[in-house]
Amino acid sequence: MSKSGKNTWLAISVFGLLTGLVMVIWPSAALSVLGIVIGIVMILFGVLQFALQWKIEPNNAFSGRYILAVLVTLAGIFLLARGAEVLLFFFGALLLIDSLHKFRLAFVMRKNGLPDWKLTMIESGLFTLVGVTLLFVPATVGKVVIVLCGLGLVINCGLNIWVALRVNKLTTGRSFPVK
């Protein structure tokens, strides 16, 4: 790895470590910032999609992409106006829809004699519980999810930093052939 690549990796890891610590220490603030960032991204995506579609097909007012662009823009505005709990509600709904689909998939797998149908059934059951919980108690579950993600970032980025420093110490002054 080049020196600039290693420095970039270290900088990203330090940023991730600090972000993870913020998520663990202030989960509500982190959730609010996440909601704002995703809301802004959704608005920008929707407006850009609308403008691109207008340029590509100016005479097709009934294109599904126009409708998608408007819906995404409205969802972003709604997210900015109502806060991060709306984001968690959306995530809960998506998890619930996906897990119900996986229940069906598990039954199809069992019917066709595939061996991992039980694992798929267990996974879909767990994610159904998480989805329903996010739908009805988004703030509490959201904070727990943010803290767990923050802990994951702290551990992962801390290990990245340790590995980078350790590899640097072990390889200082040595050259390795590039293949």
Protein backbone atom coordinates (compact mmCIF):
# COMPACT_ATOMS: atom_id res chain seq x y z
CA MET A 1 0.00 0.00 0.00
CA SER A 2 1.33 3.42 -0.90
CA LYS A 3 1.98 6.01 1.77
CA SER A 4 -0.87 8.22 0.55
CA GLY A 5 -3.21 5.22 0.47
CA LYS A 6 -2.25 4.28 4.02
CA ASN A 7 -2.73 7.87 5.20
CA THR A 8 -6.15 8.04 3.54
CA TRP A 9 -7.13 4.74 5.15
CA LEU A 10 -5.97 6.02 8.55
CA ALA A 11 -7.84 9.31 8.12
CA ILE A 12 -11.06 7.50 7.16
CA SER A 13 -10.62 5.14 10.11
CA VAL A 14 -10.09 8.01 12.56
CA PHE A 15 -13.18 9.77 11.15
CA GLY A 16 -15.17 6.53 11.49
CA LEU A 17 -13.92 6.01 15.04
CA LEU A 18 -14.96 9.55 16.03
CA THR A 19 -18.32 9.14 14.29
CA GLY A 20 -18.88 5.87 16.14
CA LEU A 21 -18.08 7.52 19.47
CA VAL A 22 -20.58 10.31 18.73
CA MET A 23 -23.19 7.67 17.86
CA VAL A 24 -22.57 5.86 21.17
CA ILE A 25 -22.44 8.99 23.35
CA TRP A 26 -25.24 11.03 21.69
CA PRO A 27 -27.53 8.59 19.84
CA SER A 28 -30.46 11.03 19.60
CA ALA A 29 -28.32 13.74 18.00
CA ALA A 30 -26.73 11.21 15.64
CA LEU A 31 -30.18 9.98 14.63
CA SER A 32 -31.36 13.53 13.97
CA VAL A 33 -28.31 14.31 11.84
CA LEU A 34 -28.80 11.05 9.94
CA GLY A 35 -32.43 11.98 9.27
CA ILE A 36 -31.42 15.44 8.01
CA VAL A 37 -28.67 14.09 5.77
CA ILE A 38 -30.90 11.40 4.27
CA GLY A 39 -33.72 13.94 3.81
CA ILE A 40 -31.42 16.32 1.93
CA VAL A 41 -30.04 13.49 -0.21
CA MET A 42 -33.57 12.35 -1.06
CA ILE A 43 -34.60 15.89 -2.05
CA LEU A 44 -31.50 16.35 -4.21
CA PHE A 45 -31.99 12.94 -5.82
CA GLY A 46 -35.66 13.64 -6.55
CA VAL A 47 -35.02 17.07 -8.05
CA LEU A 48 -32.09 15.76 -10.12
CA GLN A 49 -34.12 12.77 -11.33
CA PHE A 50 -36.98 15.09 -12.32
CA ALA A 51 -34.63 17.44 -14.19
CA LEU A 52 -32.87 14.58 -16.00
CA GLN A 53 -36.17 13.00 -16.99
CA TRP A 54 -37.41 16.38 -18.23
CA LYS A 55 -34.30 16.67 -20.43
CA ILE A 56 -34.54 13.07 -21.71
CA GLU A 57 -38.31 12.90 -22.29
CA PRO A 58 -39.82 16.40 -22.19
CA ASN A 59 -43.02 15.29 -23.94
CA ASN A 60 -43.78 12.24 -21.78
CA ALA A 61 -45.59 13.67 -18.77
CA PHE A 62 -46.73 10.24 -17.58
CA SER A 63 -43.35 8.60 -17.16
CA GLY A 64 -42.97 6.58 -13.99
CA ARG A 65 -39.68 8.35 -13.33
CA TYR A 66 -41.47 11.68 -12.91
CA ILE A 67 -43.73 10.09 -10.33
CA LEU A 68 -40.76 8.48 -8.55
CA ALA A 69 -38.88 11.79 -8.56
CA VAL A 70 -41.83 13.63 -7.02
CA LEU A 71 -42.41 10.90 -4.40
CA VAL A 72 -38.74 10.79 -3.38
CA THR A 73 -38.62 14.60 -3.14
CA LEU A 74 -41.78 14.68 -1.03
CA ALA A 75 -40.46 11.91 1.22
CA GLY A 76 -37.24 13.91 1.72
CA ILE A 77 -39.23 17.05 2.60
CA PHE A 78 -41.42 15.02 4.95
CA LEU A 79 -38.32 13.54 6.58
CA LEU A 80 -36.80 16.98 7.12
CA ALA A 81 -40.06 18.35 8.50
CA ARG A 82 -40.96 15.44 10.80
CA GLY A 83 -37.58 14.22 12.01
CA ALA A 84 -35.70 10.98 12.23
CA GLU A 85 -38.59 8.98 13.68
CA VAL A 86 -40.13 9.02 10.20
CA LEU A 87 -36.90 7.51 8.88
CA LEU A 88 -37.10 4.74 11.47
CA PHE A 89 -40.75 4.16 10.60
CA PHE A 90 -39.76 3.77 6.91
CA PHE A 91 -36.95 1.38 7.87
CA GLY A 92 -39.39 -0.60 10.00
CA ALA A 93 -41.86 -0.81 7.13
CA LEU A 94 -39.15 -1.90 4.71
CA LEU A 95 -37.86 -4.53 7.14
CA LEU A 96 -41.38 -5.83 7.68
CA ILE A 97 -42.08 -6.05 3.95
CA ASP A 98 -38.74 -7.75 3.31
CA SER A 99 -39.14 -10.22 6.17
CA LEU A 100 -42.64 -11.17 5.06
CA HIS A 101 -41.23 -11.82 1.60
CA LYS A 102 -38.52 -14.00 3.19
CA PHE A 103 -41.18 -15.98 5.08
CA ARG A 104 -42.75 -16.81 1.75
CA LEU A 105 -39.33 -17.63 0.34
CA ALA A 106 -38.63 -19.98 3.26
CA PHE A 107 -41.84 -21.90 2.55
CA VAL A 108 -40.89 -22.17 -1.13
CA MET A 109 -37.42 -23.37 -0.12
CA ARG A 110 -38.93 -26.03 2.18
CA LYS A 111 -41.35 -27.15 -0.51
CA ASN A 112 -38.43 -27.60 -2.94
CA GLY A 113 -36.29 -29.46 -0.40
CA LEU A 114 -33.60 -26.80 0.02
CA PRO A 115 -31.66 -27.30 3.25
CA ASP A 116 -31.40 -23.69 4.50
CA TRP A 117 -35.10 -22.97 4.72
CA LYS A 118 -35.05 -23.09 8.54
CA LEU A 119 -32.31 -20.45 8.72
CA THR A 120 -34.27 -18.23 6.34
CA MET A 121 -37.40 -18.73 8.48
CA ILE A 122 -35.54 -17.80 11.69
CA GLU A 123 -33.97 -14.74 10.06
CA SER A 124 -37.31 -13.54 8.71
CA GLY A 125 -38.89 -14.01 12.13
CA LEU A 126 -36.20 -11.94 13.83
CA PHE A 127 -36.42 -9.16 11.26
CA THR A 128 -40.22 -9.20 11.48
CA LEU A 129 -39.88 -8.47 15.19
CA VAL A 130 -37.39 -5.66 14.54
CA GLY A 131 -39.59 -4.19 11.79
CA VAL A 132 -42.76 -4.25 13.94
CA THR A 133 -40.84 -2.75 16.86
CA LEU A 134 -39.49 0.05 14.64
CA LEU A 135 -43.03 0.74 13.44
CA PHE A 136 -44.49 1.09 16.93
CA VAL A 137 -41.56 2.26 19.11
CA PRO A 138 -39.19 3.94 16.66
CA ALA A 139 -37.41 6.32 19.04
CA THR A 140 -36.36 3.68 21.59
CA VAL A 141 -35.31 1.06 19.07
CA GLY A 142 -33.68 3.70 16.90
CA LYS A 143 -31.39 4.78 19.72
CA VAL A 144 -30.40 1.18 20.37
CA VAL A 145 -29.69 0.63 16.67
CA ILE A 146 -27.61 3.83 16.50
CA VAL A 147 -25.60 2.81 19.59
CA LEU A 148 -24.98 -0.67 18.17
CA CYS A 149 -23.89 0.77 14.81
CA GLY A 150 -21.66 3.22 16.68
CA LEU A 151 -20.07 0.38 18.63
CA GLY A 152 -19.50 -1.49 15.38
CA LEU A 153 -17.82 1.57 13.87
CA VAL A 154 -15.63 2.06 16.95
CA ILE A 155 -14.50 -1.57 16.92
CA ASN A 156 -13.98 -1.75 13.15
CA CYS A 157 -12.18 1.56 12.80
CA GLY A 158 -10.14 0.96 15.95
CA LEU A 159 -8.97 -2.35 14.45
CA ASN A 160 -8.19 -0.60 11.16
CA ILE A 161 -5.98 1.90 12.97
CA TRP A 162 -4.27 -0.83 15.01
CA VAL A 163 -3.62 -2.93 11.90
CA ALA A 164 -2.28 0.05 9.94
CA LEU A 165 0.07 1.04 12.73
CA ARG A 166 1.16 -2.56 13.31
CA VAL A 167 1.79 -3.23 9.61
CA ASN A 168 3.70 0.05 9.36
CA LYS A 169 5.90 -0.96 12.31
CA LEU A 170 6.55 -4.44 10.90
CA THR A 171 7.28 -3.31 7.35
CA THR A 172 9.34 -0.16 7.97
CA GLY A 173 12.52 -0.36 5.92
CA ARG A 174 11.44 -3.50 4.05
CA SER A 175 10.43 -3.67 0.41
CA PHE A 176 8.08 -6.19 -1.09
CA PRO A 177 7.91 -7.13 -4.77
CA VAL A 178 4.74 -6.06 -6.51
CA LYS A 179 3.19 -8.74 -8.71
